[in-house]
Amino acid sequence: MRMLLRVSLSTEAANIAVRAGTLGSTIERILADLKPEAAYFYADDQGRRCGSVVFDMQDSSQLPGIAEPWFLAFDAEISVRPVMSLQDLMAAAPGIEAAVKTFG
């Protein structure tokens, strides 16, 4: 299932990694295991270093292995949710139509 991981790094932990020169390489190692479809990085409205990562998760038992590297390396806060591409949304049309007929 296609998932969206949003990660917010602790400023203190990220600053330590920046000063040590390991921020980028640590993120690269985490993403290498995750094999994301896409990854984007930005500062959020509170000025924290953040990322949004789209990846495929086969089973919910994978979640701890996905989250723990961020927690351990950066004392990060995360959220994970399923997302759809346009193709996925189009394939969902029959289910949407059935819901409209039943609950409409």
N, C-alpha and C. Protein backbone atom coordinates (compact mmCIF):
# COMPACT_ATOMS: atom_id res chain seq x y z
N MET A 1 0.84 -1.17 0.00
CA MET A 1 0.00 0.00 0.00
C MET A 1 0.90 1.24 0.00
N ARG A 2 0.53 2.20 -0.81
CA ARG A 2 1.28 3.45 -0.89
C ARG A 2 0.99 4.25 0.38
N MET A 3 2.06 4.71 1.03
CA MET A 3 1.94 5.43 2.30
C MET A 3 2.68 6.76 2.21
N LEU A 4 2.22 7.72 3.01
CA LEU A 4 2.90 9.00 3.16
C LEU A 4 3.42 9.09 4.58
N LEU A 5 4.73 9.19 4.71
CA LEU A 5 5.38 9.39 6.00
C LEU A 5 5.75 10.86 6.09
N ARG A 6 5.27 11.52 7.14
CA ARG A 6 5.70 12.90 7.42
C ARG A 6 6.54 12.84 8.67
N VAL A 7 7.73 13.40 8.58
CA VAL A 7 8.68 13.34 9.68
C VAL A 7 9.13 14.76 10.03
N SER A 8 9.16 15.04 11.32
CA SER A 8 9.62 16.33 11.84
C SER A 8 10.78 16.05 12.79
N LEU A 9 11.95 16.54 12.45
CA LEU A 9 13.15 16.26 13.24
C LEU A 9 13.24 17.21 14.43
N SER A 10 13.67 16.68 15.56
CA SER A 10 13.98 17.51 16.71
C SER A 10 15.09 18.48 16.30
N THR A 11 14.88 19.77 16.57
CA THR A 11 15.90 20.76 16.21
C THR A 11 17.22 20.44 16.90
N GLU A 12 17.18 20.08 18.17
CA GLU A 12 18.41 19.76 18.90
C GLU A 12 19.14 18.57 18.29
N ALA A 13 18.41 17.49 18.03
CA ALA A 13 19.04 16.29 17.46
C ALA A 13 19.56 16.56 16.05
N ALA A 14 18.79 17.30 15.26
CA ALA A 14 19.24 17.61 13.90
C ALA A 14 20.45 18.52 13.92
N ASN A 15 20.49 19.49 14.84
CA ASN A 15 21.66 20.37 14.95
C ASN A 15 22.92 19.58 15.30
N ILE A 16 22.79 18.62 16.18
CA ILE A 16 23.93 17.76 16.53
C ILE A 16 24.42 17.04 15.28
N ALA A 17 23.49 16.50 14.49
CA ALA A 17 23.87 15.78 13.26
C ALA A 17 24.49 16.73 12.24
N VAL A 18 23.95 17.94 12.13
CA VAL A 18 24.53 18.92 11.20
C VAL A 18 25.96 19.24 11.61
N ARG A 19 26.17 19.51 12.89
CA ARG A 19 27.52 19.85 13.37
C ARG A 19 28.50 18.70 13.19
N ALA A 20 28.00 17.47 13.31
CA ALA A 20 28.84 16.28 13.13
C ALA A 20 29.03 15.93 11.66
N GLY A 21 28.28 16.59 10.80
CA GLY A 21 28.37 16.29 9.37
C GLY A 21 27.67 15.01 8.97
N THR A 22 26.68 14.56 9.76
CA THR A 22 26.04 13.27 9.51
C THR A 22 24.56 13.37 9.15
N LEU A 23 24.00 14.57 9.10
CA LEU A 23 22.56 14.70 8.83
C LEU A 23 22.20 14.03 7.50
N GLY A 24 22.84 14.45 6.43
CA GLY A 24 22.50 13.91 5.11
C GLY A 24 22.78 12.42 4.98
N SER A 25 23.91 11.98 5.48
CA SER A 25 24.25 10.56 5.33
C SER A 25 23.32 9.67 6.16
N THR A 26 22.87 10.16 7.32
CA THR A 26 21.94 9.37 8.12
C THR A 26 20.59 9.27 7.42
N ILE A 27 20.11 10.38 6.89
CA ILE A 27 18.85 10.36 6.14
C ILE A 27 18.98 9.45 4.93
N GLU A 28 20.10 9.50 4.23
CA GLU A 28 20.32 8.61 3.08
C GLU A 28 20.24 7.15 3.49
N ARG A 29 20.84 6.79 4.63
CA ARG A 29 20.80 5.39 5.09
C ARG A 29 19.38 4.96 5.43
N ILE A 30 18.64 5.84 6.09
CA ILE A 30 17.25 5.51 6.42
C ILE A 30 16.44 5.31 5.15
N LEU A 31 16.60 6.21 4.19
CA LEU A 31 15.83 6.12 2.94
C LEU A 31 16.27 4.94 2.08
N ALA A 32 17.53 4.56 2.15
CA ALA A 32 18.00 3.41 1.37
C ALA A 32 17.24 2.15 1.76
N ASP A 33 16.95 2.00 3.04
CA ASP A 33 16.19 0.83 3.49
C ASP A 33 14.72 0.95 3.11
N LEU A 34 14.20 2.16 3.07
CA LEU A 34 12.79 2.39 2.79
C LEU A 34 12.47 2.32 1.30
N LYS A 35 13.44 2.65 0.45
CA LYS A 35 13.25 2.66 -1.01
C LYS A 35 12.01 3.46 -1.41
N PRO A 36 12.00 4.76 -1.12
CA PRO A 36 10.80 5.56 -1.38
C PRO A 36 10.55 5.83 -2.85
N GLU A 37 9.29 6.04 -3.16
CA GLU A 37 8.88 6.50 -4.49
C GLU A 37 9.30 7.96 -4.67
N ALA A 38 9.21 8.72 -3.59
CA ALA A 38 9.60 10.14 -3.61
C ALA A 38 9.91 10.57 -2.18
N ALA A 39 10.79 11.57 -2.05
CA ALA A 39 11.11 12.15 -0.74
C ALA A 39 11.38 13.64 -0.93
N TYR A 40 10.75 14.44 -0.10
CA TYR A 40 10.89 15.90 -0.16
C TYR A 40 11.19 16.42 1.23
N PHE A 41 12.03 17.45 1.29
CA PHE A 41 12.45 18.01 2.57
C PHE A 41 12.22 19.51 2.59
N TYR A 42 11.84 20.04 3.75
CA TYR A 42 11.44 21.44 3.86
C TYR A 42 11.46 21.84 5.33
N ALA A 43 11.29 23.14 5.58
CA ALA A 43 11.08 23.64 6.93
C ALA A 43 9.58 23.86 7.11
N ASP A 44 9.04 23.38 8.23
CA ASP A 44 7.61 23.57 8.46
C ASP A 44 7.34 24.98 8.98
N ASP A 45 6.09 25.26 9.33
CA ASP A 45 5.71 26.60 9.76
C ASP A 45 6.33 26.99 11.10
N GLN A 46 6.82 26.01 11.85
CA GLN A 46 7.50 26.31 13.11
C GLN A 46 9.03 26.33 12.93
N GLY A 47 9.49 26.17 11.69
CA GLY A 47 10.92 26.22 11.41
C GLY A 47 11.67 24.92 11.65
N ARG A 48 10.94 23.82 11.88
CA ARG A 48 11.59 22.53 12.08
C ARG A 48 11.95 21.89 10.75
N ARG A 49 13.02 21.12 10.73
CA ARG A 49 13.39 20.36 9.54
C ARG A 49 12.42 19.21 9.39
N CYS A 50 11.81 19.10 8.22
CA CYS A 50 10.77 18.09 7.99
C CYS A 50 10.99 17.38 6.66
N GLY A 51 10.32 16.27 6.52
CA GLY A 51 10.32 15.55 5.26
C GLY A 51 8.98 14.88 5.03
N SER A 52 8.65 14.70 3.77
CA SER A 52 7.49 13.92 3.36
C SER A 52 8.00 12.84 2.42
N VAL A 53 7.70 11.60 2.74
CA VAL A 53 8.25 10.46 2.02
C VAL A 53 7.11 9.55 1.59
N VAL A 54 7.03 9.26 0.30
CA VAL A 54 6.04 8.33 -0.23
C VAL A 54 6.73 6.99 -0.45
N PHE A 55 6.17 5.95 0.13
CA PHE A 55 6.79 4.63 0.05
C PHE A 55 5.71 3.56 0.03
N ASP A 56 6.12 2.33 -0.25
CA ASP A 56 5.19 1.20 -0.29
C ASP A 56 5.37 0.37 0.97
N MET A 57 4.26 0.08 1.65
CA MET A 57 4.29 -0.77 2.85
C MET A 57 3.42 -1.99 2.57
N GLN A 58 4.00 -3.15 2.67
CA GLN A 58 3.28 -4.39 2.40
C GLN A 58 2.43 -4.86 3.57
N ASP A 59 2.90 -4.58 4.80
CA ASP A 59 2.23 -5.10 5.99
C ASP A 59 2.44 -4.13 7.14
N SER A 60 1.44 -4.00 8.01
CA SER A 60 1.54 -3.07 9.13
C SER A 60 2.67 -3.43 10.09
N SER A 61 3.13 -4.67 10.08
CA SER A 61 4.24 -5.06 10.95
C SER A 61 5.54 -4.37 10.57
N GLN A 62 5.59 -3.77 9.38
CA GLN A 62 6.78 -3.04 8.94
C GLN A 62 6.90 -1.67 9.62
N LEU A 63 5.82 -1.18 10.19
CA LEU A 63 5.80 0.19 10.71
C LEU A 63 6.89 0.47 11.75
N PRO A 64 7.10 -0.39 12.74
CA PRO A 64 8.18 -0.10 13.69
C PRO A 64 9.56 0.04 13.01
N GLY A 65 9.84 -0.78 12.05
CA GLY A 65 11.11 -0.69 11.35
C GLY A 65 11.24 0.57 10.51
N ILE A 66 10.11 1.12 10.11
CA ILE A 66 10.10 2.37 9.35
C ILE A 66 10.25 3.56 10.29
N ALA A 67 9.59 3.53 11.43
CA ALA A 67 9.58 4.65 12.36
C ALA A 67 10.82 4.74 13.25
N GLU A 68 11.29 3.62 13.74
CA GLU A 68 12.37 3.64 14.74
C GLU A 68 13.64 4.35 14.29
N PRO A 69 14.09 4.18 13.05
CA PRO A 69 15.30 4.92 12.66
C PRO A 69 15.16 6.43 12.83
N TRP A 70 13.99 6.97 12.51
CA TRP A 70 13.75 8.42 12.68
C TRP A 70 13.73 8.79 14.16
N PHE A 71 13.07 7.96 14.98
CA PHE A 71 13.01 8.22 16.41
C PHE A 71 14.42 8.21 17.02
N LEU A 72 15.16 7.16 16.69
CA LEU A 72 16.47 6.97 17.31
C LEU A 72 17.51 7.97 16.82
N ALA A 73 17.52 8.26 15.53
CA ALA A 73 18.54 9.14 14.96
C ALA A 73 18.25 10.61 15.24
N PHE A 74 16.97 10.98 15.26
CA PHE A 74 16.63 12.41 15.28
C PHE A 74 15.58 12.80 16.31
N ASP A 75 15.20 11.88 17.19
CA ASP A 75 14.14 12.18 18.16
C ASP A 75 12.94 12.80 17.45
N ALA A 76 12.59 12.22 16.32
CA ALA A 76 11.60 12.79 15.40
C ALA A 76 10.17 12.48 15.82
N GLU A 77 9.27 13.32 15.35
CA GLU A 77 7.84 13.05 15.41
C GLU A 77 7.43 12.63 14.00
N ILE A 78 6.58 11.60 13.91
CA ILE A 78 6.17 11.13 12.59
C ILE A 78 4.66 10.95 12.52
N SER A 79 4.16 10.95 11.30
CA SER A 79 2.80 10.49 11.02
C SER A 79 2.88 9.66 9.75
N VAL A 80 2.04 8.64 9.68
CA VAL A 80 2.01 7.75 8.53
C VAL A 80 0.55 7.54 8.16
N ARG A 81 0.26 7.69 6.87
CA ARG A 81 -1.12 7.48 6.43
C ARG A 81 -1.12 6.94 5.00
N PRO A 82 -2.14 6.15 4.66
CA PRO A 82 -2.26 5.68 3.28
C PRO A 82 -2.63 6.84 2.36
N VAL A 83 -2.10 6.80 1.15
CA VAL A 83 -2.42 7.80 0.13
C VAL A 83 -2.68 7.09 -1.19
N MET A 84 -3.34 7.82 -2.11
CA MET A 84 -3.67 7.25 -3.41
C MET A 84 -3.11 8.12 -4.52
N SER A 85 -2.71 7.47 -5.59
CA SER A 85 -2.39 8.16 -6.82
C SER A 85 -3.70 8.42 -7.56
N LEU A 86 -3.64 9.16 -8.64
CA LEU A 86 -4.85 9.37 -9.44
C LEU A 86 -5.38 8.03 -9.95
N GLN A 87 -4.49 7.13 -10.36
CA GLN A 87 -4.93 5.81 -10.83
C GLN A 87 -5.67 5.06 -9.72
N ASP A 88 -5.14 5.14 -8.49
CA ASP A 88 -5.81 4.48 -7.36
C ASP A 88 -7.20 5.07 -7.13
N LEU A 89 -7.28 6.40 -7.21
CA LEU A 89 -8.57 7.07 -7.01
C LEU A 89 -9.57 6.64 -8.09
N MET A 90 -9.12 6.55 -9.32
CA MET A 90 -10.00 6.12 -10.41
C MET A 90 -10.48 4.68 -10.18
N ALA A 91 -9.59 3.83 -9.69
CA ALA A 91 -9.97 2.44 -9.41
C ALA A 91 -10.96 2.36 -8.25
N ALA A 92 -10.99 3.37 -7.40
CA ALA A 92 -11.90 3.40 -6.25
C ALA A 92 -13.31 3.84 -6.62
N ALA A 93 -13.51 4.28 -7.84
CA ALA A 93 -14.80 4.83 -8.27
C ALA A 93 -15.99 3.90 -7.97
N PRO A 94 -15.90 2.60 -8.25
CA PRO A 94 -17.05 1.74 -7.94
C PRO A 94 -17.41 1.74 -6.45
N GLY A 95 -16.43 1.76 -5.58
CA GLY A 95 -16.70 1.80 -4.15
C GLY A 95 -17.34 3.11 -3.73
N ILE A 96 -16.89 4.20 -4.34
CA ILE A 96 -17.48 5.51 -4.06
C ILE A 96 -18.93 5.54 -4.53
N GLU A 97 -19.17 5.02 -5.73
CA GLU A 97 -20.53 4.99 -6.28
C GLU A 97 -21.45 4.13 -5.41
N ALA A 98 -20.95 3.00 -4.93
CA ALA A 98 -21.75 2.13 -4.05
C ALA A 98 -22.10 2.85 -2.75
N ALA A 99 -21.14 3.61 -2.21
CA ALA A 99 -21.41 4.36 -0.97
C ALA A 99 -22.45 5.43 -1.21
N VAL A 100 -22.40 6.08 -2.36
CA VAL A 100 -23.39 7.11 -2.68
C VAL A 100 -24.78 6.48 -2.76
N LYS A 101 -24.88 5.31 -3.41
CA LYS A 101 -26.18 4.64 -3.52
C LYS A 101 -26.73 4.24 -2.16
N THR A 102 -25.84 3.80 -1.27
CA THR A 102 -26.28 3.31 0.04
C THR A 102 -26.49 4.44 1.04
N PHE A 103 -25.61 5.41 1.04
CA PHE A 103 -25.63 6.44 2.09
C PHE A 103 -25.91 7.84 1.57
N GLY A 104 -25.96 7.98 0.25
CA GLY A 104 -26.04 9.18 -0.48
C GLY A 104 -26.79 10.33 -0.13
